[in-house]
Amino acid sequence: MKGEGEDGVILVENGFRGLRVWQKGDDFSVKIYRMTDSGTFGRDFGLRDQMRRAAVSIPSNIAEGDELDTNKQSIRHFYIAKGSCAEVLTQAVIACKIGYLDEDKFKTIENEAVEIAKMLSKLISARRNK
C-alpha cells in the first residue's frame, strides 16, 4: 500500500516485504534450510550449504532489486533471483538422485521453484514495461 509521508516522499508499506514473490521466496528458503538440516543431507556440508546459499539468494536479490533506483537495475537482480531458482532445482535433482531427498520433498521443491520463477518473470515483464 502506497501513501505519502509528511515530507511528501512516497512510502510503500512493507517495501519489498509486501511483494508476494519475496514472501514466497522467503518461505522457500526457510523450507530449504529445514529440509537440508538432518540425515545424510545435514552432513554433506558442500551440497547442503550451496543449496542454502542459492535459496537465500532468491529473496535477497528480490529485496535488493526492489530497493534499487532504476527498473534496469531491479530487473538485473530479479534475473539473478530467477537463476537461483534454477540453481536450487538443479541441486534438488542431484540430492534426489543420490538419496538425500525423497520424491515428495523433491516435488515440493520443484513446484515452488517453478512457481517463484514464473512470478519473477511476470515481475520482470511489469518492470520492463514501466
N, C-alpha and C. Protein backbone atom coordinates (compact mmCIF):
# COMPACT_ATOMS: atom_id res chain seq x y z
N MET A 1 0.84 -1.17 0.00
CA MET A 1 0.00 0.00 0.00
C MET A 1 0.89 1.23 0.00
N LYS A 2 0.62 2.15 -0.94
CA LYS A 2 1.42 3.36 -1.03
C LYS A 2 0.70 4.48 -0.31
N GLY A 3 1.50 5.37 0.23
CA GLY A 3 0.97 6.56 0.87
C GLY A 3 2.02 7.65 0.81
N GLU A 4 1.64 8.84 1.25
CA GLU A 4 2.58 9.94 1.22
C GLU A 4 2.96 10.33 2.62
N GLY A 5 4.26 10.39 2.88
CA GLY A 5 4.76 10.78 4.19
C GLY A 5 4.65 12.28 4.40
N GLU A 6 4.99 12.72 5.60
CA GLU A 6 4.92 14.14 5.96
C GLU A 6 5.74 15.02 5.03
N ASP A 7 6.86 14.51 4.56
CA ASP A 7 7.74 15.32 3.72
C ASP A 7 7.44 15.16 2.24
N GLY A 8 6.32 14.53 1.89
CA GLY A 8 5.91 14.36 0.50
C GLY A 8 6.55 13.17 -0.19
N VAL A 9 7.37 12.41 0.54
CA VAL A 9 8.02 11.23 -0.05
C VAL A 9 7.00 10.10 -0.11
N ILE A 10 6.96 9.41 -1.24
CA ILE A 10 6.06 8.28 -1.40
C ILE A 10 6.58 7.11 -0.57
N LEU A 11 5.74 6.57 0.26
CA LEU A 11 6.10 5.43 1.10
C LEU A 11 5.41 4.19 0.59
N VAL A 12 6.09 3.08 0.64
CA VAL A 12 5.49 1.80 0.29
C VAL A 12 5.46 0.97 1.56
N GLU A 13 4.25 0.66 2.02
CA GLU A 13 4.10 -0.13 3.24
C GLU A 13 4.75 -1.48 3.05
N ASN A 14 5.62 -1.85 3.96
CA ASN A 14 6.35 -3.11 3.96
C ASN A 14 7.42 -3.21 2.88
N GLY A 15 7.53 -2.25 1.99
CA GLY A 15 8.57 -2.29 0.95
C GLY A 15 8.58 -3.62 0.23
N PHE A 16 9.78 -4.16 0.04
CA PHE A 16 9.92 -5.44 -0.67
C PHE A 16 9.21 -6.57 0.06
N ARG A 17 9.03 -6.43 1.38
CA ARG A 17 8.35 -7.49 2.14
C ARG A 17 6.88 -7.61 1.76
N GLY A 18 6.35 -6.60 1.10
CA GLY A 18 4.97 -6.65 0.62
C GLY A 18 4.81 -7.37 -0.71
N LEU A 19 5.93 -7.68 -1.37
CA LEU A 19 5.85 -8.40 -2.65
C LEU A 19 5.56 -9.88 -2.39
N ARG A 20 4.53 -10.40 -3.04
CA ARG A 20 4.19 -11.82 -2.86
C ARG A 20 5.35 -12.72 -3.26
N VAL A 21 6.07 -12.36 -4.30
CA VAL A 21 7.18 -13.19 -4.75
C VAL A 21 8.30 -13.20 -3.71
N TRP A 22 8.53 -12.07 -3.04
CA TRP A 22 9.53 -12.06 -1.97
C TRP A 22 9.08 -12.96 -0.81
N GLN A 23 7.79 -12.88 -0.45
CA GLN A 23 7.25 -13.70 0.64
C GLN A 23 7.41 -15.18 0.32
N LYS A 24 7.08 -15.56 -0.91
CA LYS A 24 7.23 -16.96 -1.32
C LYS A 24 8.70 -17.38 -1.31
N GLY A 25 9.58 -16.50 -1.77
CA GLY A 25 11.00 -16.79 -1.77
C GLY A 25 11.54 -16.94 -0.36
N ASP A 26 11.08 -16.09 0.53
CA ASP A 26 11.49 -16.17 1.94
C ASP A 26 11.03 -17.49 2.56
N ASP A 27 9.77 -17.84 2.36
CA ASP A 27 9.26 -19.11 2.88
C ASP A 27 10.01 -20.30 2.28
N PHE A 28 10.31 -20.20 0.99
CA PHE A 28 11.03 -21.26 0.29
C PHE A 28 12.42 -21.46 0.88
N SER A 29 13.13 -20.38 1.16
CA SER A 29 14.48 -20.51 1.71
C SER A 29 14.45 -21.14 3.10
N VAL A 30 13.45 -20.80 3.90
CA VAL A 30 13.30 -21.42 5.23
C VAL A 30 13.03 -22.92 5.07
N LYS A 31 12.18 -23.25 4.10
CA LYS A 31 11.87 -24.66 3.85
C LYS A 31 13.12 -25.43 3.43
N ILE A 32 13.94 -24.83 2.58
CA ILE A 32 15.18 -25.48 2.15
C ILE A 32 16.10 -25.71 3.34
N TYR A 33 16.22 -24.71 4.20
CA TYR A 33 17.05 -24.88 5.41
C TYR A 33 16.57 -26.07 6.22
N ARG A 34 15.28 -26.19 6.41
CA ARG A 34 14.74 -27.28 7.22
C ARG A 34 14.92 -28.63 6.54
N MET A 35 14.71 -28.68 5.23
CA MET A 35 14.83 -29.95 4.52
C MET A 35 16.27 -30.46 4.48
N THR A 36 17.22 -29.56 4.56
CA THR A 36 18.63 -29.94 4.45
C THR A 36 19.31 -30.05 5.80
N ASP A 37 18.54 -30.06 6.86
CA ASP A 37 19.09 -29.99 8.21
C ASP A 37 19.41 -31.34 8.84
N SER A 38 18.85 -32.41 8.32
CA SER A 38 19.02 -33.69 9.02
C SER A 38 19.47 -34.81 8.09
N GLY A 39 19.75 -35.94 8.70
CA GLY A 39 20.15 -37.12 7.95
C GLY A 39 21.46 -36.92 7.22
N THR A 40 21.62 -37.65 6.14
CA THR A 40 22.83 -37.59 5.34
C THR A 40 23.00 -36.19 4.75
N PHE A 41 21.89 -35.59 4.36
CA PHE A 41 21.95 -34.24 3.78
C PHE A 41 22.59 -33.27 4.76
N GLY A 42 22.23 -33.39 6.01
CA GLY A 42 22.76 -32.49 7.04
C GLY A 42 24.26 -32.61 7.25
N ARG A 43 24.82 -33.73 6.81
CA ARG A 43 26.27 -33.95 6.97
C ARG A 43 27.06 -33.67 5.69
N ASP A 44 26.35 -33.47 4.59
CA ASP A 44 27.03 -33.15 3.32
C ASP A 44 27.12 -31.62 3.23
N PHE A 45 28.15 -31.10 3.87
CA PHE A 45 28.25 -29.65 4.02
C PHE A 45 28.35 -28.92 2.68
N GLY A 46 28.98 -29.52 1.70
CA GLY A 46 29.13 -28.86 0.40
C GLY A 46 27.80 -28.63 -0.28
N LEU A 47 27.06 -29.72 -0.55
CA LEU A 47 25.78 -29.59 -1.25
C LEU A 47 24.77 -28.85 -0.38
N ARG A 48 24.73 -29.17 0.89
CA ARG A 48 23.78 -28.51 1.80
C ARG A 48 23.98 -26.99 1.81
N ASP A 49 25.22 -26.57 2.00
CA ASP A 49 25.49 -25.14 2.09
C ASP A 49 25.27 -24.43 0.76
N GLN A 50 25.63 -25.07 -0.34
CA GLN A 50 25.42 -24.45 -1.65
C GLN A 50 23.92 -24.30 -1.93
N MET A 51 23.15 -25.30 -1.59
CA MET A 51 21.70 -25.23 -1.81
C MET A 51 21.08 -24.14 -0.94
N ARG A 52 21.54 -24.03 0.29
CA ARG A 52 21.04 -22.99 1.19
C ARG A 52 21.40 -21.60 0.67
N ARG A 53 22.63 -21.43 0.22
CA ARG A 53 23.04 -20.12 -0.31
C ARG A 53 22.20 -19.73 -1.52
N ALA A 54 21.96 -20.68 -2.40
CA ALA A 54 21.14 -20.40 -3.59
C ALA A 54 19.71 -20.04 -3.19
N ALA A 55 19.17 -20.75 -2.21
CA ALA A 55 17.80 -20.48 -1.76
C ALA A 55 17.70 -19.09 -1.12
N VAL A 56 18.66 -18.74 -0.30
CA VAL A 56 18.65 -17.43 0.36
C VAL A 56 18.86 -16.31 -0.66
N SER A 57 19.56 -16.62 -1.74
CA SER A 57 19.80 -15.64 -2.80
C SER A 57 18.50 -15.19 -3.46
N ILE A 58 17.48 -16.04 -3.45
CA ILE A 58 16.22 -15.69 -4.11
C ILE A 58 15.57 -14.48 -3.45
N PRO A 59 15.16 -14.55 -2.17
CA PRO A 59 14.53 -13.36 -1.59
C PRO A 59 15.51 -12.21 -1.41
N SER A 60 16.79 -12.51 -1.23
CA SER A 60 17.78 -11.44 -1.06
C SER A 60 17.89 -10.58 -2.32
N ASN A 61 17.94 -11.22 -3.49
CA ASN A 61 18.03 -10.46 -4.74
C ASN A 61 16.73 -9.77 -5.09
N ILE A 62 15.61 -10.35 -4.71
CA ILE A 62 14.33 -9.68 -4.93
C ILE A 62 14.29 -8.40 -4.09
N ALA A 63 14.71 -8.51 -2.83
CA ALA A 63 14.72 -7.34 -1.94
C ALA A 63 15.67 -6.27 -2.48
N GLU A 64 16.88 -6.67 -2.83
CA GLU A 64 17.84 -5.70 -3.33
C GLU A 64 17.35 -5.05 -4.61
N GLY A 65 16.82 -5.86 -5.50
CA GLY A 65 16.31 -5.31 -6.76
C GLY A 65 15.17 -4.34 -6.56
N ASP A 66 14.29 -4.65 -5.65
CA ASP A 66 13.14 -3.77 -5.41
C ASP A 66 13.57 -2.43 -4.82
N GLU A 67 14.68 -2.41 -4.13
CA GLU A 67 15.14 -1.18 -3.47
C GLU A 67 16.01 -0.30 -4.37
N LEU A 68 16.37 -0.77 -5.54
CA LEU A 68 17.25 0.00 -6.42
C LEU A 68 16.49 1.10 -7.15
N ASP A 69 17.26 2.06 -7.68
CA ASP A 69 16.67 3.28 -8.23
C ASP A 69 16.07 3.14 -9.62
N THR A 70 16.56 2.22 -10.41
CA THR A 70 16.04 2.12 -11.78
C THR A 70 15.48 0.73 -12.04
N ASN A 71 14.54 0.66 -12.95
CA ASN A 71 13.98 -0.63 -13.33
C ASN A 71 15.04 -1.53 -13.96
N LYS A 72 15.99 -0.94 -14.70
CA LYS A 72 17.06 -1.73 -15.31
C LYS A 72 17.88 -2.44 -14.23
N GLN A 73 18.23 -1.71 -13.17
CA GLN A 73 18.97 -2.32 -12.07
C GLN A 73 18.12 -3.38 -11.36
N SER A 74 16.86 -3.07 -11.14
CA SER A 74 15.95 -4.00 -10.46
C SER A 74 15.82 -5.30 -11.25
N ILE A 75 15.60 -5.16 -12.54
CA ILE A 75 15.40 -6.33 -13.41
C ILE A 75 16.62 -7.26 -13.36
N ARG A 76 17.81 -6.67 -13.34
CA ARG A 76 19.04 -7.48 -13.27
C ARG A 76 19.01 -8.37 -12.03
N HIS A 77 18.63 -7.81 -10.88
CA HIS A 77 18.57 -8.60 -9.65
C HIS A 77 17.45 -9.63 -9.68
N PHE A 78 16.34 -9.30 -10.32
CA PHE A 78 15.25 -10.27 -10.43
C PHE A 78 15.68 -11.46 -11.30
N TYR A 79 16.48 -11.18 -12.34
CA TYR A 79 17.02 -12.28 -13.14
C TYR A 79 17.98 -13.15 -12.33
N ILE A 80 18.77 -12.53 -11.48
CA ILE A 80 19.68 -13.31 -10.63
C ILE A 80 18.86 -14.21 -9.70
N ALA A 81 17.78 -13.67 -9.13
CA ALA A 81 16.90 -14.47 -8.26
C ALA A 81 16.30 -15.63 -9.04
N LYS A 82 15.91 -15.36 -10.29
CA LYS A 82 15.35 -16.42 -11.14
C LYS A 82 16.39 -17.50 -11.42
N GLY A 83 17.62 -17.09 -11.65
CA GLY A 83 18.70 -18.05 -11.84
C GLY A 83 18.94 -18.89 -10.60
N SER A 84 18.78 -18.27 -9.43
CA SER A 84 18.94 -19.01 -8.17
C SER A 84 17.85 -20.07 -8.02
N CYS A 85 16.66 -19.80 -8.55
CA CYS A 85 15.60 -20.82 -8.53
C CYS A 85 16.06 -22.05 -9.31
N ALA A 86 16.65 -21.83 -10.48
CA ALA A 86 17.15 -22.93 -11.30
C ALA A 86 18.29 -23.66 -10.59
N GLU A 87 19.12 -22.89 -9.89
CA GLU A 87 20.24 -23.49 -9.16
C GLU A 87 19.73 -24.42 -8.05
N VAL A 88 18.75 -23.95 -7.27
CA VAL A 88 18.18 -24.79 -6.21
C VAL A 88 17.54 -26.04 -6.81
N LEU A 89 16.82 -25.86 -7.90
CA LEU A 89 16.17 -27.01 -8.54
C LEU A 89 17.20 -28.02 -9.03
N THR A 90 18.28 -27.56 -9.62
CA THR A 90 19.34 -28.47 -10.08
C THR A 90 19.93 -29.24 -8.90
N GLN A 91 20.19 -28.54 -7.81
CA GLN A 91 20.74 -29.19 -6.62
C GLN A 91 19.76 -30.19 -6.03
N ALA A 92 18.47 -29.87 -6.11
CA ALA A 92 17.45 -30.80 -5.62
C ALA A 92 17.40 -32.06 -6.49
N VAL A 93 17.56 -31.90 -7.79
CA VAL A 93 17.61 -33.07 -8.69
C VAL A 93 18.76 -33.99 -8.27
N ILE A 94 19.91 -33.41 -8.05
CA ILE A 94 21.08 -34.19 -7.64
C ILE A 94 20.82 -34.84 -6.27
N ALA A 95 20.29 -34.06 -5.33
CA ALA A 95 20.02 -34.58 -3.98
C ALA A 95 19.03 -35.74 -4.03
N CYS A 96 18.07 -35.67 -4.92
CA CYS A 96 17.09 -36.76 -5.06
C CYS A 96 17.77 -38.00 -5.66
N LYS A 97 18.59 -37.80 -6.66
CA LYS A 97 19.27 -38.92 -7.31
C LYS A 97 20.21 -39.66 -6.37
N ILE A 98 20.81 -38.95 -5.42
CA ILE A 98 21.74 -39.62 -4.51
C ILE A 98 21.09 -40.02 -3.19
N GLY A 99 19.77 -39.83 -3.12
CA GLY A 99 19.02 -40.33 -1.98
C GLY A 99 18.89 -39.39 -0.79
N TYR A 100 19.27 -38.14 -0.95
CA TYR A 100 19.14 -37.18 0.15
C TYR A 100 17.71 -36.67 0.30
N LEU A 101 16.98 -36.62 -0.81
CA LEU A 101 15.59 -36.17 -0.81
C LEU A 101 14.71 -37.29 -1.36
N ASP A 102 13.56 -37.49 -0.73
CA ASP A 102 12.61 -38.43 -1.31
C ASP A 102 11.82 -37.70 -2.40
N GLU A 103 11.03 -38.45 -3.14
CA GLU A 103 10.31 -37.90 -4.29
C GLU A 103 9.33 -36.78 -3.87
N ASP A 104 8.66 -36.93 -2.73
CA ASP A 104 7.72 -35.90 -2.28
C ASP A 104 8.41 -34.58 -1.97
N LYS A 105 9.53 -34.65 -1.27
CA LYS A 105 10.27 -33.42 -0.96
C LYS A 105 10.82 -32.79 -2.24
N PHE A 106 11.30 -33.63 -3.14
CA PHE A 106 11.79 -33.11 -4.40
C PHE A 106 10.68 -32.38 -5.16
N LYS A 107 9.50 -32.99 -5.24
CA LYS A 107 8.37 -32.39 -5.96
C LYS A 107 7.97 -31.05 -5.33
N THR A 108 8.01 -30.98 -4.00
CA THR A 108 7.70 -29.73 -3.31
C THR A 108 8.68 -28.64 -3.75
N ILE A 109 9.96 -28.97 -3.74
CA ILE A 109 10.98 -28.00 -4.14
C ILE A 109 10.79 -27.61 -5.60
N GLU A 110 10.58 -28.60 -6.44
CA GLU A 110 10.40 -28.34 -7.87
C GLU A 110 9.21 -27.40 -8.12
N ASN A 111 8.07 -27.72 -7.52
CA ASN A 111 6.87 -26.91 -7.73
C ASN A 111 7.06 -25.48 -7.25
N GLU A 112 7.67 -25.31 -6.09
CA GLU A 112 7.85 -23.97 -5.54
C GLU A 112 8.88 -23.18 -6.33
N ALA A 113 9.97 -23.82 -6.75
CA ALA A 113 10.98 -23.12 -7.54
C ALA A 113 10.40 -22.66 -8.87
N VAL A 114 9.62 -23.50 -9.51
CA VAL A 114 8.99 -23.15 -10.79
C VAL A 114 7.98 -22.02 -10.59
N GLU A 115 7.19 -22.09 -9.53
CA GLU A 115 6.20 -21.04 -9.26
C GLU A 115 6.88 -19.69 -9.00
N ILE A 116 7.94 -19.68 -8.21
CA ILE A 116 8.65 -18.44 -7.93
C ILE A 116 9.28 -17.89 -9.22
N ALA A 117 9.85 -18.75 -10.03
CA ALA A 117 10.45 -18.32 -11.30
C ALA A 117 9.40 -17.69 -12.21
N LYS A 118 8.21 -18.26 -12.25
CA LYS A 118 7.13 -17.68 -13.07
C LYS A 118 6.71 -16.32 -12.53
N MET A 119 6.62 -16.20 -11.22
CA MET A 119 6.27 -14.92 -10.61
C MET A 119 7.34 -13.87 -10.92
N LEU A 120 8.60 -14.28 -10.88
CA LEU A 120 9.68 -13.36 -11.22
C LEU A 120 9.61 -12.94 -12.68
N SER A 121 9.26 -13.85 -13.57
CA SER A 121 9.10 -13.49 -14.99
C SER A 121 8.04 -12.42 -15.16
N LYS A 122 6.95 -12.56 -14.44
CA LYS A 122 5.88 -11.55 -14.51
C LYS A 122 6.34 -10.21 -13.93
N LEU A 123 7.09 -10.26 -12.83
CA LEU A 123 7.60 -9.03 -12.23
C LEU A 123 8.59 -8.35 -13.18
N ILE A 124 9.45 -9.13 -13.80
CA ILE A 124 10.41 -8.58 -14.77
C ILE A 124 9.67 -7.91 -15.91
N SER A 125 8.67 -8.59 -16.43
CA SER A 125 7.88 -8.04 -17.53
C SER A 125 7.19 -6.73 -17.11
N ALA A 126 6.64 -6.70 -15.93
CA ALA A 126 5.96 -5.50 -15.45
C ALA A 126 6.95 -4.34 -15.30
N ARG A 127 8.13 -4.62 -14.76
CA ARG A 127 9.13 -3.55 -14.56
C ARG A 127 9.70 -3.09 -15.91
N ARG A 128 9.81 -4.01 -16.84
CA ARG A 128 10.34 -3.66 -18.15
C ARG A 128 9.38 -2.72 -18.91
N ASN A 129 8.09 -2.90 -18.66
CA ASN A 129 7.08 -2.13 -19.36
C ASN A 129 6.70 -0.82 -18.67
N LYS A 130 7.41 -0.47 -17.61
CA LYS A 130 7.11 0.80 -16.90
C LYS A 130 7.74 1.96 -17.61
